Each structure stands twice: as C-alpha cells, then as structure tokens.
Amino acid sequence: MDANREWYKESLLERVSENLKKRGFNAFWSRNRDEAKAKILELIPEGSRVGIGGSISIRELGIIDDLEARGYTIVHHWKSELSPELDFQIRREEMITDVFLASTNALTIDGIIVNTDGVGNRVAAMIFGPRKVILIAGVNKIVKSLDDAIWRIKNVAAPINAHRLGSNTPCAKLGYCANCSGTASICRVTTIIEYKPSKTDFTVVLVNEELGY
C-alpha cells in the first residue's frame, strides 16, 4: 500500500465530507467497505423497512445479507423473473420505506450529488419519500466539477451499466456516450442535488475504495 496515495485519498474524502456538511447533509468517510457497512448498519433504526435502489455499490458492500440476518424488511426490485407489474409495484414501495439505501453516479468535490436514471425511481426516492436516505459513494465517484460529473455519468457509469444490462444502445457497444435518443436509452432523468432536501434525513457515507461504476 502506497502511504502517500492513501494520505491523498483520505484528505480528499475529508474535504468532500466537510463540503457535504456545509450543504446540510450528514456525512462520514470510511477507510474501507467493512467500516462503511458497520456505519450504515449503525444508522438504520431497528425494525425499519429498508428500500434499496438499483446499486452495484450497495451490493458490493454485502450489506443486504446483514440486514436480513438482523430482521429488517428489505424492499428491492433486483430479483429475477419479476412480472412488469410486480417490478413497478416494488419500485413504488421502495420510495416510501423508512430507510432508502442507494449509491451515486458522481459527487463533486464541493458536495453536489449528481445522478442519472432510466426509470427515475432511484433519484426520486433520494429527494422525497423515505424518511431517511443513506447514500454510498466510493472514492472513484468523486469528480472536480458539475461538468465532470455529467461527463463521468455519460462516459463511464452509463456505458458500463448499459453493457451490464444488455441494452441496445451505442454506448453499450462503443464504451462511451454517442448522445443516443432511442427508446433503449438509460439516460432519461438527471438530478442535481445541491443541498440536503429539506424534508429528508440524508446521510452520505464516503468510502476509501472503488465501489460500483
């Protein structure tokens, strides 16, 4: 492990955390995914119904099994062979849970949270619905500016997710954004959260590891 590189990343996480706090968010940074998972479990009240957005980062933490073992009710639509109607119903239920867990596509150094969805349930739930939102961000999601956040979403997160989903989009084949406008596009709703939504208890947990896309 390069101590100088670790010092730089920890300094960056501390800076972003402080900027998030200035914008009204609760914010913590963790040295690794295990520390992050422990923090998240600490933040979720006993007996909560926990909604989980479409997130590779959350699943890479391995937290779902821990939540189920502790008796929490889990609401998430990433299940095989759901009918379209049941998938729709579960996405709606995620938006009114006690706690909503999700990750972010990009986070600027000055604390602006940027996300793009195809359906919109994930970004909607971040803003209003669940009583408590806990957002995870690996160090790889941190960017310099809002323009860099949009670039990252279009040219890193979207192509990888489109390829993962088997989407019939140019980016799923090319590996970068081709500004498609077809019905298969997964870039349909973009949200920019500049300050904590006034009615939502919102916590951001930063992680000194790469998580998600």
Protein backbone atom coordinates (compact mmCIF):
# COMPACT_ATOMS: atom_id res chain seq x y z
CA MET A 1 0.00 0.00 0.00
CA ASP A 2 1.34 3.42 -1.01
CA ALA A 3 1.08 5.58 2.12
CA ASN A 4 1.27 8.79 0.10
CA ARG A 5 -1.61 7.75 -2.15
CA GLU A 6 -3.68 6.75 0.87
CA TRP A 7 -2.95 10.10 2.54
CA TYR A 8 -4.14 11.92 -0.59
CA LYS A 9 -7.37 9.93 -0.87
CA GLU A 10 -8.17 10.32 2.83
CA SER A 11 -7.53 14.06 2.59
CA LEU A 12 -9.88 14.21 -0.40
CA LEU A 13 -12.60 12.27 1.43
CA GLU A 14 -12.28 14.55 4.45
CA ARG A 15 -12.60 17.62 2.21
CA VAL A 16 -15.67 16.29 0.41
CA SER A 17 -17.23 15.25 3.73
CA GLU A 18 -16.83 18.76 5.14
CA ASN A 19 -18.31 20.31 2.00
CA LEU A 20 -21.31 17.98 2.20
CA LYS A 21 -21.88 19.05 5.80
CA LYS A 22 -21.86 22.69 4.70
CA ARG A 23 -24.70 21.79 2.36
CA GLY A 24 -26.77 20.31 5.18
CA PHE A 25 -26.02 16.61 4.71
CA ASN A 26 -24.80 14.26 7.40
CA ALA A 27 -21.51 12.94 6.07
CA PHE A 28 -18.91 10.38 7.12
CA TRP A 29 -15.95 8.79 5.41
CA SER A 30 -14.73 5.26 5.92
CA ARG A 31 -11.33 3.68 5.34
CA ASN A 32 -12.81 0.59 3.70
CA ARG A 33 -16.07 -1.12 2.82
CA ASP A 34 -16.27 -3.05 6.09
CA GLU A 35 -16.07 0.18 8.09
CA ALA A 36 -18.67 1.73 5.79
CA LYS A 37 -21.02 -1.22 6.22
CA ALA A 38 -20.72 -1.04 10.01
CA LYS A 39 -21.55 2.67 9.89
CA ILE A 40 -24.61 2.13 7.73
CA LEU A 41 -25.92 -0.64 10.00
CA GLU A 42 -25.45 1.71 12.95
CA LEU A 43 -27.54 4.39 11.20
CA ILE A 44 -30.57 2.19 10.45
CA PRO A 45 -33.14 2.07 13.28
CA GLU A 46 -34.30 -1.34 14.46
CA GLY A 47 -37.42 -2.64 12.77
CA SER A 48 -37.05 -0.41 9.70
CA ARG A 49 -38.35 -1.26 6.25
CA VAL A 50 -35.31 -0.72 4.05
CA GLY A 51 -35.62 0.12 0.37
CA ILE A 52 -32.65 -0.50 -1.87
CA GLY A 53 -32.23 1.26 -5.19
CA GLY A 54 -30.58 -0.23 -8.22
CA SER A 55 -26.98 -0.06 -6.99
CA ILE A 56 -23.88 -2.12 -7.61
CA SER A 57 -22.11 -0.30 -4.76
CA ILE A 58 -24.68 -1.40 -2.16
CA ARG A 59 -24.41 -4.99 -3.30
CA GLU A 60 -20.61 -4.87 -3.33
CA LEU A 61 -20.76 -3.89 0.34
CA GLY A 62 -22.55 -7.17 1.03
CA ILE A 63 -24.93 -5.40 3.36
CA ILE A 64 -28.20 -6.98 2.23
CA ASP A 65 -27.43 -10.30 3.91
CA ASP A 66 -26.52 -8.45 7.12
CA LEU A 67 -29.82 -6.54 7.07
CA GLU A 68 -31.84 -9.70 6.51
CA ALA A 69 -29.95 -11.50 9.31
CA ARG A 70 -30.87 -8.66 11.68
CA GLY A 71 -34.56 -8.96 10.82
CA TYR A 72 -35.06 -5.88 8.67
CA THR A 73 -37.70 -5.97 5.96
CA ILE A 74 -35.93 -5.48 2.62
CA VAL A 75 -37.72 -3.95 -0.36
CA HIS A 76 -35.83 -4.12 -3.65
CA HIS A 77 -36.64 -4.86 -7.26
CA TRP A 78 -33.38 -6.57 -8.26
CA LYS A 79 -34.97 -10.01 -8.25
CA SER A 80 -35.15 -12.49 -11.07
CA GLU A 81 -38.30 -13.17 -13.07
CA LEU A 82 -40.47 -10.33 -11.73
CA SER A 83 -43.51 -9.53 -13.81
CA PRO A 84 -43.60 -5.94 -15.13
CA GLU A 85 -46.45 -5.13 -12.75
CA LEU A 86 -44.66 -6.53 -9.68
CA ASP A 87 -41.45 -4.77 -10.66
CA PHE A 88 -43.38 -1.48 -10.88
CA GLN A 89 -45.08 -2.11 -7.53
CA ILE A 90 -41.80 -2.84 -5.73
CA ARG A 91 -40.15 0.28 -7.18
CA ARG A 92 -43.03 2.33 -5.77
CA GLU A 93 -42.75 0.63 -2.38
CA GLU A 94 -39.02 1.46 -2.24
CA MET A 95 -39.96 5.13 -2.35
CA ILE A 96 -41.98 5.04 0.87
CA THR A 97 -39.75 2.89 3.05
CA ASP A 98 -38.32 4.02 6.39
CA VAL A 99 -34.77 3.97 5.05
CA PHE A 100 -33.59 4.09 1.44
CA LEU A 101 -30.11 2.89 0.50
CA ALA A 102 -28.55 3.90 -2.79
CA SER A 103 -25.30 4.97 -4.38
CA THR A 104 -24.48 7.96 -6.52
CA ASN A 105 -23.17 8.20 -10.07
CA ALA A 106 -20.99 11.21 -9.30
CA LEU A 107 -20.18 13.56 -6.44
CA THR A 108 -18.31 16.83 -6.86
CA ILE A 109 -15.54 17.89 -4.51
CA ASP A 110 -17.70 20.79 -3.33
CA GLY A 111 -20.52 18.42 -2.36
CA ILE A 112 -23.01 18.35 -5.25
CA ILE A 113 -24.67 14.96 -5.85
CA VAL A 114 -25.40 14.07 -9.49
CA ASN A 115 -27.33 11.07 -10.79
CA THR A 116 -28.95 9.84 -13.99
CA ASP A 117 -31.70 7.21 -14.16
CA GLY A 118 -33.61 5.43 -16.86
CA VAL A 119 -36.80 4.96 -14.82
CA GLY A 120 -36.35 7.64 -12.17
CA ASN A 121 -37.46 5.78 -9.03
CA ARG A 122 -33.95 5.84 -7.53
CA VAL A 123 -33.39 9.56 -7.97
CA ALA A 124 -36.96 10.34 -6.88
CA ALA A 125 -36.50 8.41 -3.63
CA MET A 126 -33.30 10.31 -2.87
CA ILE A 127 -35.25 13.57 -2.89
CA PHE A 128 -38.51 12.79 -1.09
CA GLY A 129 -40.43 9.77 0.18
CA PRO A 130 -38.30 7.68 2.53
CA ARG A 131 -37.83 9.19 5.99
CA LYS A 132 -34.09 8.53 5.86
CA VAL A 133 -31.77 8.30 2.85
CA ILE A 134 -28.27 6.81 3.10
CA LEU A 135 -26.13 7.31 0.03
CA ILE A 136 -22.87 5.45 -0.61
CA ALA A 137 -20.03 6.90 -2.67
CA GLY A 138 -16.75 5.14 -3.38
CA VAL A 139 -13.73 7.38 -3.92
CA ASN A 140 -13.98 6.65 -7.65
CA LYS A 141 -17.23 8.65 -7.84
CA ILE A 142 -15.61 11.94 -6.78
CA VAL A 143 -15.08 14.48 -9.57
CA LYS A 144 -13.88 18.06 -9.78
CA SER A 145 -16.94 19.85 -11.16
CA LEU A 146 -20.53 19.54 -12.29
CA ASP A 147 -19.40 19.25 -15.90
CA ASP A 148 -17.05 16.44 -14.88
CA ALA A 149 -19.94 14.73 -13.07
CA ILE A 150 -22.09 14.74 -16.21
CA TRP A 151 -19.14 13.54 -18.29
CA ARG A 152 -18.49 10.70 -15.85
CA ILE A 153 -22.12 9.58 -15.94
CA LYS A 154 -22.31 9.67 -19.72
CA ASN A 155 -18.92 8.11 -20.45
CA VAL A 156 -18.21 5.81 -17.51
CA ALA A 157 -21.30 4.83 -15.49
CA ALA A 158 -23.84 4.68 -18.33
CA PRO A 159 -21.77 2.61 -20.81
CA ILE A 160 -20.83 0.06 -18.15
CA ASN A 161 -24.39 -0.21 -16.84
CA ALA A 162 -25.83 -0.39 -20.36
CA HIS A 163 -23.40 -3.21 -21.16
CA ARG A 164 -24.29 -4.96 -17.87
CA LEU A 165 -27.99 -4.73 -18.68
CA GLY A 166 -27.55 -5.85 -22.28
CA SER A 167 -29.09 -2.60 -23.50
CA ASN A 168 -29.32 -1.93 -27.22
CA THR A 169 -27.57 1.44 -27.00
CA PRO A 170 -24.48 2.71 -28.81
CA CYS A 171 -22.61 3.19 -25.53
CA ALA A 172 -23.08 -0.47 -24.62
CA LYS A 173 -21.09 -1.33 -27.74
CA LEU A 174 -18.70 1.63 -28.01
CA GLY A 175 -17.88 2.18 -24.33
CA TYR A 176 -18.61 5.91 -24.49
CA CYS A 177 -21.57 8.23 -24.97
CA ALA A 178 -22.85 8.70 -28.53
CA ASN A 179 -25.71 11.02 -27.48
CA CYS A 180 -28.34 8.46 -28.39
CA SER A 181 -32.00 9.36 -28.30
CA GLY A 182 -33.57 5.97 -28.91
CA THR A 183 -36.14 4.20 -26.79
CA ALA A 184 -33.41 2.00 -25.29
CA SER A 185 -31.58 4.94 -23.71
CA ILE A 186 -30.90 4.55 -19.98
CA CYS A 187 -30.09 8.28 -19.56
CA ARG A 188 -33.56 9.80 -19.14
CA VAL A 189 -33.69 11.63 -15.81
CA THR A 190 -30.79 13.60 -14.36
CA THR A 191 -30.91 15.14 -10.89
CA ILE A 192 -28.52 17.62 -9.31
CA ILE A 193 -28.83 17.79 -5.53
CA GLU A 194 -27.08 20.96 -4.40
CA TYR A 195 -28.32 20.99 -0.79
CA LYS A 196 -30.00 18.48 1.51
CA PRO A 197 -33.69 18.18 0.59
CA SER A 198 -35.49 19.99 3.40
CA LYS A 199 -37.83 17.14 4.44
CA THR A 200 -35.36 14.27 4.19
CA ASP A 201 -32.86 12.94 6.75
CA PHE A 202 -29.96 12.49 4.34
CA THR A 203 -26.58 10.90 5.07
CA VAL A 204 -23.68 10.36 2.67
CA VAL A 205 -21.13 7.67 3.52
CA LEU A 206 -17.90 8.03 1.57
CA VAL A 207 -15.64 5.00 1.17
CA ASN A 208 -11.89 4.92 0.51
CA GLU A 209 -12.35 2.13 -2.03
CA GLU A 210 -13.67 1.91 -5.55
CA LEU A 211 -17.30 0.83 -5.45
CA GLY A 212 -19.75 0.47 -8.29
CA TYR A 213 -19.47 2.08 -11.70
